[in-house]
């Protein structure tokens, strides 16, 4: 799951269930438009791990998550 979190407005948050493409990348569809900064939390369905990043619009074509070292 990918959580798209607004820094101050909880009602603008969105949760996406991601699907895997044949090329190994994942995709999802937002239910509403986004402008400005967002925190992205990527996690498994059991919520046993999480990776986080921050993006601002315009969003890059690809968003890469890397585990904290």
N, C-alpha and C. Protein backbone atom coordinates (compact mmCIF):
# COMPACT_ATOMS: atom_id res chain seq x y z
N UNK A 1 0.85 -1.17 0.00
CA UNK A 1 0.00 0.00 0.00
C UNK A 1 0.90 1.24 0.00
N UNK A 2 0.40 2.28 -0.64
CA UNK A 2 1.09 3.57 -0.64
C UNK A 2 0.16 4.60 -0.02
N UNK A 3 0.63 5.23 1.03
CA UNK A 3 -0.11 6.33 1.65
C UNK A 3 0.46 7.63 1.11
N UNK A 4 -0.42 8.49 0.62
CA UNK A 4 -0.04 9.82 0.13
C UNK A 4 -0.58 10.80 1.16
N UNK A 5 0.31 11.41 1.92
CA UNK A 5 -0.07 12.16 3.12
C UNK A 5 0.21 13.65 2.95
N UNK A 6 -0.83 14.46 3.14
CA UNK A 6 -0.66 15.92 3.13
C UNK A 6 -0.03 16.33 4.47
N UNK A 7 0.89 17.28 4.46
CA UNK A 7 1.58 17.65 5.70
C UNK A 7 0.67 18.18 6.81
N UNK A 8 -0.46 18.82 6.46
CA UNK A 8 -1.29 19.43 7.51
C UNK A 8 -2.78 19.13 7.39
N UNK A 9 -3.24 18.62 6.25
CA UNK A 9 -4.67 18.42 6.02
C UNK A 9 -4.98 16.93 5.87
N UNK A 10 -5.37 16.28 6.96
CA UNK A 10 -5.61 14.84 6.95
C UNK A 10 -6.68 14.43 5.94
N UNK A 11 -7.68 15.26 5.72
CA UNK A 11 -8.75 14.90 4.78
C UNK A 11 -8.27 14.89 3.32
N UNK A 12 -7.06 15.33 3.05
CA UNK A 12 -6.48 15.28 1.71
C UNK A 12 -5.59 14.06 1.52
N UNK A 13 -5.43 13.23 2.56
CA UNK A 13 -4.62 12.02 2.46
C UNK A 13 -5.31 11.00 1.56
N UNK A 14 -4.51 10.16 0.92
CA UNK A 14 -5.05 9.09 0.07
C UNK A 14 -4.25 7.81 0.29
N UNK A 15 -4.94 6.69 0.26
CA UNK A 15 -4.31 5.37 0.31
C UNK A 15 -4.50 4.70 -1.04
N UNK A 16 -3.42 4.15 -1.58
CA UNK A 16 -3.47 3.46 -2.86
C UNK A 16 -3.02 2.02 -2.70
N UNK A 17 -3.76 1.12 -3.29
CA UNK A 17 -3.30 -0.26 -3.41
C UNK A 17 -2.58 -0.34 -4.75
N UNK A 18 -1.33 -0.78 -4.71
CA UNK A 18 -0.51 -0.80 -5.92
C UNK A 18 -0.60 -2.16 -6.61
N UNK A 19 -0.50 -2.14 -7.93
CA UNK A 19 -0.49 -3.36 -8.73
C UNK A 19 0.85 -3.45 -9.46
N UNK A 20 1.33 -4.66 -9.63
CA UNK A 20 2.62 -4.88 -10.28
C UNK A 20 2.45 -5.00 -11.79
N UNK A 21 3.29 -4.29 -12.51
CA UNK A 21 3.33 -4.36 -13.96
C UNK A 21 4.24 -5.52 -14.39
N UNK A 22 4.11 -5.96 -15.64
CA UNK A 22 5.00 -7.03 -16.13
C UNK A 22 6.49 -6.68 -16.06
N UNK A 23 6.81 -5.37 -16.12
CA UNK A 23 8.22 -4.97 -16.07
C UNK A 23 8.77 -4.92 -14.65
N UNK A 24 7.93 -5.25 -13.65
CA UNK A 24 8.37 -5.28 -12.26
C UNK A 24 8.09 -4.01 -11.48
N UNK A 25 7.70 -2.94 -12.16
CA UNK A 25 7.33 -1.70 -11.49
C UNK A 25 5.90 -1.80 -10.97
N UNK A 26 5.54 -0.90 -10.06
CA UNK A 26 4.20 -0.88 -9.48
C UNK A 26 3.51 0.42 -9.86
N UNK A 27 2.17 0.38 -9.91
CA UNK A 27 1.41 1.57 -10.24
C UNK A 27 0.13 1.61 -9.42
N UNK A 28 -0.43 2.80 -9.30
CA UNK A 28 -1.70 3.00 -8.63
C UNK A 28 -2.33 4.27 -9.18
N UNK A 29 -3.61 4.47 -8.87
CA UNK A 29 -4.34 5.62 -9.37
C UNK A 29 -4.85 6.46 -8.22
N UNK A 30 -4.57 7.75 -8.26
CA UNK A 30 -5.05 8.67 -7.23
C UNK A 30 -6.53 8.98 -7.45
N UNK A 31 -7.28 9.11 -6.37
CA UNK A 31 -8.71 9.40 -6.49
C UNK A 31 -8.99 10.89 -6.65
N UNK A 32 -8.02 11.74 -6.30
CA UNK A 32 -8.18 13.18 -6.47
C UNK A 32 -6.83 13.80 -6.80
N UNK A 33 -6.87 14.95 -7.45
CA UNK A 33 -5.65 15.64 -7.85
C UNK A 33 -4.82 16.08 -6.66
N UNK A 34 -3.55 16.29 -6.93
CA UNK A 34 -2.62 16.67 -5.87
C UNK A 34 -1.79 17.86 -6.33
N UNK A 35 -1.66 18.83 -5.46
CA UNK A 35 -0.73 19.94 -5.67
C UNK A 35 0.06 20.13 -4.39
N UNK A 36 1.30 20.52 -4.53
CA UNK A 36 2.13 20.80 -3.37
C UNK A 36 2.88 19.59 -2.86
N UNK A 37 3.32 19.70 -1.63
CA UNK A 37 4.18 18.68 -1.02
C UNK A 37 3.35 17.54 -0.43
N UNK A 38 3.88 16.31 -0.51
CA UNK A 38 3.26 15.15 0.10
C UNK A 38 4.34 14.24 0.67
N UNK A 39 4.00 13.56 1.76
CA UNK A 39 4.83 12.48 2.30
C UNK A 39 4.28 11.19 1.73
N UNK A 40 5.16 10.30 1.29
CA UNK A 40 4.75 9.01 0.75
C UNK A 40 5.27 7.92 1.68
N UNK A 41 4.36 7.06 2.11
CA UNK A 41 4.72 5.93 2.96
C UNK A 41 4.35 4.66 2.20
N UNK A 42 5.34 3.86 1.89
CA UNK A 42 5.15 2.60 1.19
C UNK A 42 5.29 1.47 2.20
N UNK A 43 4.30 0.57 2.27
CA UNK A 43 4.34 -0.50 3.26
C UNK A 43 3.69 -1.76 2.73
N UNK A 44 3.96 -2.88 3.38
CA UNK A 44 3.28 -4.12 3.02
C UNK A 44 1.91 -4.15 3.69
N UNK A 45 1.05 -5.08 3.26
CA UNK A 45 -0.31 -5.13 3.79
C UNK A 45 -0.36 -5.46 5.27
N UNK A 46 0.63 -6.18 5.78
CA UNK A 46 0.68 -6.52 7.20
C UNK A 46 1.27 -5.39 8.04
N UNK A 47 1.75 -4.35 7.36
CA UNK A 47 2.37 -3.20 8.03
C UNK A 47 3.57 -3.62 8.88
N UNK A 48 4.34 -4.58 8.35
CA UNK A 48 5.53 -5.04 9.07
C UNK A 48 6.79 -4.29 8.66
N UNK A 49 6.72 -3.52 7.58
CA UNK A 49 7.83 -2.65 7.17
C UNK A 49 7.26 -1.42 6.49
N UNK A 50 8.08 -0.38 6.41
CA UNK A 50 7.66 0.89 5.81
C UNK A 50 8.88 1.63 5.28
N UNK A 51 8.71 2.23 4.09
CA UNK A 51 9.71 3.13 3.53
C UNK A 51 9.02 4.46 3.26
N UNK A 52 9.74 5.55 3.46
CA UNK A 52 9.14 6.87 3.34
C UNK A 52 10.00 7.77 2.45
N UNK A 53 9.32 8.70 1.79
CA UNK A 53 9.99 9.74 1.02
C UNK A 53 9.06 10.94 0.96
N UNK A 54 9.55 12.02 0.43
CA UNK A 54 8.77 13.25 0.30
C UNK A 54 8.88 13.74 -1.14
N UNK A 55 7.75 14.18 -1.72
CA UNK A 55 7.75 14.70 -3.09
C UNK A 55 6.92 15.98 -3.13
N UNK A 56 7.18 16.78 -4.14
CA UNK A 56 6.41 17.99 -4.41
C UNK A 56 6.01 18.00 -5.87
N UNK A 57 4.87 18.63 -6.16
CA UNK A 57 4.44 18.73 -7.55
C UNK A 57 5.28 19.77 -8.26
N UNK A 58 5.54 19.60 -9.55
CA UNK A 58 5.09 18.45 -10.33
C UNK A 58 5.86 17.19 -9.94
N UNK A 59 5.13 16.08 -9.83
CA UNK A 59 5.75 14.82 -9.43
C UNK A 59 6.65 14.29 -10.53
N UNK A 60 7.74 13.62 -10.15
CA UNK A 60 8.58 12.98 -11.16
C UNK A 60 7.83 11.81 -11.79
N UNK A 61 8.27 11.39 -12.97
CA UNK A 61 7.63 10.27 -13.65
C UNK A 61 7.75 8.98 -12.84
N UNK A 62 8.87 8.81 -12.17
CA UNK A 62 9.10 7.63 -11.33
C UNK A 62 9.54 8.09 -9.95
N UNK A 63 9.03 7.44 -8.94
CA UNK A 63 9.43 7.72 -7.56
C UNK A 63 10.14 6.49 -7.04
N UNK A 64 11.35 6.66 -6.57
CA UNK A 64 12.15 5.54 -6.10
C UNK A 64 12.22 5.60 -4.58
N UNK A 65 11.95 4.47 -3.96
CA UNK A 65 12.08 4.32 -2.51
C UNK A 65 13.32 3.51 -2.22
N UNK A 66 14.06 3.89 -1.21
CA UNK A 66 15.23 3.14 -0.78
C UNK A 66 15.13 2.94 0.72
N UNK A 67 15.46 1.75 1.20
CA UNK A 67 15.39 1.52 2.65
C UNK A 67 16.41 2.37 3.40
N UNK A 68 16.05 2.76 4.60
CA UNK A 68 17.00 3.50 5.45
C UNK A 68 18.13 2.56 5.83
N UNK A 69 19.33 3.07 5.80
CA UNK A 69 20.50 2.24 6.11
C UNK A 69 20.96 2.51 7.52
